[in-house]
Amino acid sequence: MNLANISINLTKKGKTKSKNNKFFMISIAVILVGIAVFYFYSGDQAKIRGLAFGNEIQSLQQDIHDEQSRFISSIAKWEEKTISDEEMISVGESHISEFNKLLKKYDELQPPDAFIRSVKLLKLSLEYQIESHEHRLEWMKNGDDSELIRFQELTQLSFEAEQAGLKAFNDAKAGIQQ
């Protein structure tokens, strides 16, 4: 081997190293860009899922509120004696049945992790509410004041669970919006 051949071989190796370095650097850049895109995309997807879930839970809460309002309206009519005890008991049983259907909707929800606690609390609130209304109906049927007391206790527990659920929901929502 002469000096010219050695010089040519060194030049080829230098070009090969240079090409390998460029390829390596481009590969790293592509990987970093891919990671950044995935990170921001997944963050955006989490926000979208959170907002969609927020709409679902608000709709469910509105359905619960509407059913509760109908029941309260019937109680007012019953207290005014514009509907009979039998009619009120029938309305109450129908109301409890409707609440049980709404309760099942909580199990169909697929909340993002940040909202799981709020869903559990809101579901617990509705469970307390159903039980309280069952006690109220029993009081209407038999006049047992202990049923009315239990109704009032469960109504308070329902309210507290709902308030805690709404706070947990708003806290989770604030975390997603940041």
Protein backbone atom coordinates (compact mmCIF):
# COMPACT_ATOMS: atom_id res chain seq x y z
CA MET A 1 0.00 0.00 0.00
CA ASN A 2 1.30 3.35 -0.85
CA LEU A 3 0.69 6.73 0.63
CA ALA A 4 -1.97 7.66 -1.97
CA ASN A 5 -4.04 4.56 -1.20
CA ILE A 6 -3.85 5.23 2.53
CA SER A 7 -4.97 8.82 1.98
CA ILE A 8 -7.94 7.66 -0.16
CA ASN A 9 -8.95 5.05 2.46
CA LEU A 10 -8.81 7.65 5.26
CA THR A 11 -10.92 10.05 3.19
CA LYS A 12 -13.52 7.32 2.54
CA LYS A 13 -13.64 6.41 6.24
CA GLY A 14 -14.08 10.07 7.18
CA LYS A 15 -16.94 10.45 4.69
CA THR A 16 -18.52 7.26 6.00
CA LYS A 17 -18.24 8.49 9.58
CA SER A 18 -19.67 11.83 8.53
CA LYS A 19 -22.62 10.10 6.80
CA ASN A 20 -23.19 7.88 9.86
CA ASN A 21 -23.10 10.91 12.17
CA LYS A 22 -25.61 12.77 10.00
CA PHE A 23 -27.90 9.74 9.91
CA PHE A 24 -27.59 9.31 13.67
CA MET A 25 -28.33 12.98 14.34
CA ILE A 26 -31.30 12.98 11.95
CA SER A 27 -32.64 9.81 13.61
CA ILE A 28 -32.39 11.38 17.05
CA ALA A 29 -34.11 14.55 15.81
CA VAL A 30 -36.96 12.51 14.28
CA ILE A 31 -37.38 10.53 17.50
CA LEU A 32 -37.46 13.71 19.60
CA VAL A 33 -40.01 15.33 17.30
CA GLY A 34 -42.10 12.13 17.43
CA ILE A 35 -42.01 12.10 21.23
CA ALA A 36 -42.98 15.78 21.40
CA VAL A 37 -45.88 15.28 18.98
CA PHE A 38 -47.09 12.21 20.90
CA TYR A 39 -46.83 14.05 24.23
CA PHE A 40 -48.85 17.04 23.06
CA TYR A 41 -51.30 14.89 21.09
CA SER A 42 -51.99 12.65 24.08
CA GLY A 43 -52.40 15.72 26.27
CA ASP A 44 -54.91 17.16 23.83
CA GLN A 45 -56.74 13.82 23.67
CA ALA A 46 -56.96 13.75 27.47
CA LYS A 47 -58.49 17.23 27.42
CA ILE A 48 -60.98 16.19 24.75
CA ARG A 49 -61.96 13.03 26.68
CA GLY A 50 -62.28 15.10 29.85
CA LEU A 51 -64.55 17.64 28.19
CA ALA A 52 -66.69 14.92 26.56
CA PHE A 53 -67.00 13.17 29.89
CA GLY A 54 -67.89 16.48 31.53
CA ASN A 55 -70.77 16.86 29.09
CA GLU A 56 -71.97 13.30 29.81
CA ILE A 57 -71.93 13.76 33.57
CA GLN A 58 -73.63 17.15 33.34
CA SER A 59 -76.39 15.60 31.24
CA LEU A 60 -76.83 12.82 33.78
CA GLN A 61 -76.90 15.32 36.65
CA GLN A 62 -79.52 17.35 34.77
CA ASP A 63 -81.67 14.22 34.30
CA ILE A 64 -81.40 13.53 38.04
CA HIS A 65 -82.31 17.13 38.84
CA ASP A 66 -85.31 17.03 36.49
CA GLU A 67 -86.61 13.78 38.01
CA GLN A 68 -86.11 15.18 41.51
CA SER A 69 -88.04 18.33 40.56
CA ARG A 70 -90.95 16.23 39.26
CA PHE A 71 -91.03 14.28 42.51
CA ILE A 72 -90.92 17.43 44.66
CA SER A 73 -93.76 18.89 42.59
CA SER A 74 -95.82 15.77 43.26
CA ILE A 75 -95.08 15.99 46.98
CA ALA A 76 -96.31 19.59 46.98
CA LYS A 77 -99.55 18.45 45.31
CA TRP A 78 -99.90 15.65 47.86
CA GLU A 79 -99.36 18.06 50.76
CA GLU A 80 -102.04 20.32 49.27
CA LYS A 81 -104.30 17.25 49.08
CA THR A 82 -104.75 17.60 45.32
CA ILE A 83 -103.57 14.01 44.87
CA SER A 84 -104.40 11.05 47.07
CA ASP A 85 -102.04 9.01 49.21
CA GLU A 86 -102.34 6.11 46.77
CA GLU A 87 -101.49 8.35 43.81
CA MET A 88 -98.51 9.78 45.68
CA ILE A 89 -97.23 6.33 46.57
CA SER A 90 -97.56 5.31 42.92
CA VAL A 91 -95.70 8.46 41.83
CA GLY A 92 -93.02 7.76 44.45
CA GLU A 93 -92.53 4.18 43.32
CA SER A 94 -92.26 5.34 39.71
CA HIS A 95 -89.79 8.00 40.81
CA ILE A 96 -87.60 5.46 42.59
CA SER A 97 -87.68 3.23 39.53
CA GLU A 98 -86.58 6.15 37.36
CA PHE A 99 -83.78 7.01 39.80
CA ASN A 100 -82.59 3.39 39.69
CA LYS A 101 -82.35 3.63 35.88
CA LEU A 102 -80.31 6.82 36.23
CA LEU A 103 -78.11 5.13 38.83
CA LYS A 104 -77.18 2.45 36.29
CA LYS A 105 -75.97 5.16 33.91
CA TYR A 106 -73.12 5.91 36.32
CA ASP A 107 -71.80 2.41 35.66
CA GLU A 108 -71.84 3.07 31.92
CA LEU A 109 -69.63 6.14 32.23
CA GLN A 110 -65.96 5.85 31.40
CA PRO A 111 -64.45 8.70 33.34
CA PRO A 112 -60.86 9.80 32.87
CA ASP A 113 -58.77 8.94 35.92
CA ALA A 114 -59.02 12.48 37.26
CA PHE A 115 -62.83 12.19 37.47
CA ILE A 116 -63.19 8.74 39.07
CA ARG A 117 -63.53 10.14 42.60
CA SER A 118 -66.22 12.61 41.57
CA VAL A 119 -68.23 9.90 39.82
CA LYS A 120 -68.09 7.66 42.89
CA LEU A 121 -69.31 10.50 45.11
CA LEU A 122 -72.10 11.55 42.76
CA LYS A 123 -73.24 7.94 42.46
CA LEU A 124 -73.16 7.60 46.24
CA SER A 125 -75.29 10.74 46.50
CA LEU A 126 -77.92 9.22 44.23
CA GLU A 127 -77.83 5.94 46.17
CA TYR A 128 -78.51 7.87 49.39
CA GLN A 129 -81.24 9.81 47.65
CA ILE A 130 -82.97 6.63 46.46
CA GLU A 131 -82.79 5.12 49.93
CA SER A 132 -84.10 8.33 51.51
CA HIS A 133 -87.06 8.39 49.13
CA GLU A 134 -87.81 4.74 49.93
CA HIS A 135 -88.01 5.71 53.61
CA ARG A 136 -90.25 8.65 52.79
CA LEU A 137 -92.59 6.33 50.89
CA GLU A 138 -92.66 3.94 53.84
CA TRP A 139 -93.57 6.88 56.08
CA MET A 140 -96.39 7.79 53.68
CA LYS A 141 -97.64 4.20 53.74
CA ASN A 142 -97.51 3.52 57.48
CA GLY A 143 -96.99 6.87 59.25
CA ASP A 144 -93.94 5.60 61.17
CA ASP A 145 -92.01 8.71 62.25
CA SER A 146 -88.74 6.75 62.41
CA GLU A 147 -89.02 6.38 58.60
CA LEU A 148 -89.31 10.15 58.27
CA ILE A 149 -86.26 10.68 60.50
CA ARG A 150 -84.23 8.19 58.44
CA PHE A 151 -85.41 9.95 55.28
CA GLN A 152 -84.08 13.26 56.62
CA GLU A 153 -80.73 11.74 57.66
CA LEU A 154 -80.22 10.13 54.25
CA THR A 155 -81.25 13.32 52.48
CA GLN A 156 -78.49 15.14 54.36
CA LEU A 157 -75.95 12.43 53.47
CA SER A 158 -77.03 12.65 49.85
CA PHE A 159 -76.54 16.41 49.84
CA GLU A 160 -73.07 16.13 51.41
CA ALA A 161 -71.97 13.44 48.95
CA GLU A 162 -73.26 15.51 46.04
CA GLN A 163 -71.40 18.62 47.22
CA ALA A 164 -68.18 16.62 47.63
CA GLY A 165 -68.70 15.06 44.20
CA LEU A 166 -69.23 18.43 42.54
CA LYS A 167 -66.12 19.81 44.23
CA ALA A 168 -64.07 16.80 43.10
CA PHE A 169 -65.49 17.22 39.59
CA ASN A 170 -64.59 20.92 39.46
CA ASP A 171 -61.12 20.23 40.87
CA ALA A 172 -60.50 17.58 38.22
CA LYS A 173 -61.89 19.85 35.52
CA ALA A 174 -59.58 22.68 36.61
CA GLY A 175 -56.63 20.28 36.43
CA ILE A 176 -57.50 19.31 32.86
CA GLN A 177 -57.95 22.90 31.73
CA GLN A 178 -54.48 23.89 32.93
